[in-house]
Amino acid sequence: MLSEISNLIYIYIKKQTFVDLGCGNGFLCYLLTKEGYQGLGIDIAERKIWKQFRNDGVSLKKGLILFSFHFFF
């Protein structure tokens, strides 16, 4: 019984992480980071606003992610 309760508490208080593919201006990443979540935003082009968001602790990266058909199967 105690183990079940401790597991529920752990699930409840554990913050989720995120990855935002195609994050655009990064505003969603900014909001989630300000709420205490840890994550990463990735977009093919860097935006000017990213400099300000990065100063506020938001993790934003310029990059391209290629998926193949075999990735899903």
Protein backbone atom coordinates (compact mmCIF):
# COMPACT_ATOMS: atom_id res chain seq x y z
CA MET A 1 0.00 0.00 0.00
CA LEU A 2 2.77 2.46 0.93
CA SER A 3 4.63 1.62 -2.28
CA GLU A 4 1.54 2.40 -4.37
CA ILE A 5 1.10 5.75 -2.65
CA SER A 6 4.74 6.70 -3.10
CA ASN A 7 4.51 5.80 -6.80
CA LEU A 8 1.43 8.00 -7.21
CA ILE A 9 3.14 10.89 -5.45
CA TYR A 10 6.21 10.47 -7.65
CA ILE A 11 4.08 10.54 -10.81
CA TYR A 12 2.16 13.56 -9.57
CA ILE A 13 5.14 15.72 -8.64
CA LYS A 14 7.48 14.69 -11.46
CA LYS A 15 7.59 17.34 -14.17
CA GLN A 16 7.39 16.17 -17.75
CA THR A 17 9.92 17.17 -20.39
CA PHE A 18 9.20 18.21 -23.95
CA VAL A 19 10.65 18.51 -27.44
CA ASP A 20 8.96 20.95 -29.82
CA LEU A 21 9.81 20.07 -33.42
CA GLY A 22 9.19 23.00 -35.72
CA CYS A 23 9.02 25.40 -32.78
CA GLY A 24 8.86 28.53 -34.96
CA ASN A 25 9.36 31.60 -32.80
CA GLY A 26 9.79 29.43 -29.69
CA PHE A 27 6.95 30.99 -27.72
CA LEU A 28 5.49 27.66 -26.58
CA CYS A 29 8.95 26.60 -25.39
CA TYR A 30 9.23 29.90 -23.56
CA LEU A 31 5.88 29.42 -21.80
CA LEU A 32 6.61 25.82 -20.80
CA THR A 33 10.07 26.73 -19.51
CA LYS A 34 8.63 29.56 -17.43
CA GLU A 35 6.16 27.03 -15.94
CA GLY A 36 9.12 24.92 -14.79
CA TYR A 37 9.28 22.28 -17.50
CA GLN A 38 12.58 21.35 -19.13
CA GLY A 39 12.72 20.85 -22.85
CA LEU A 40 14.07 21.73 -26.24
CA GLY A 41 12.71 23.61 -29.25
CA ILE A 42 14.09 22.80 -32.71
CA ASP A 43 13.40 24.64 -35.95
CA ILE A 44 14.98 24.81 -39.39
CA ALA A 45 15.49 28.59 -39.13
CA GLU A 46 16.64 30.66 -36.17
CA ARG A 47 14.41 33.59 -35.20
CA LYS A 48 15.59 36.95 -33.85
CA ILE A 49 13.42 36.56 -30.73
CA TRP A 50 15.37 33.42 -29.76
CA LYS A 51 18.18 35.53 -28.35
CA GLN A 52 15.84 37.01 -25.75
CA PHE A 53 14.26 33.62 -24.97
CA ARG A 54 17.70 32.04 -24.55
CA ASN A 55 18.61 34.79 -22.08
CA ASP A 56 15.57 33.64 -20.09
CA GLY A 57 16.83 30.03 -20.02
CA VAL A 58 14.92 28.56 -22.97
CA SER A 59 16.75 25.86 -24.95
CA LEU A 60 16.28 26.53 -28.68
CA LYS A 61 18.34 24.93 -31.46
CA LYS A 62 18.53 25.43 -35.20
CA GLY A 63 18.47 22.10 -36.98
CA LEU A 64 16.84 19.75 -39.40
CA ILE A 65 15.46 16.37 -38.42
CA LEU A 66 14.94 13.88 -41.20
CA PHE A 67 12.69 10.89 -40.72
CA SER A 68 12.57 7.92 -42.99
CA PHE A 69 9.69 5.55 -43.57
CA HIS A 70 11.65 2.85 -41.72
CA PHE A 71 11.83 5.05 -38.63
CA PHE A 72 8.17 4.36 -37.90
CA PHE A 73 8.16 0.62 -38.64
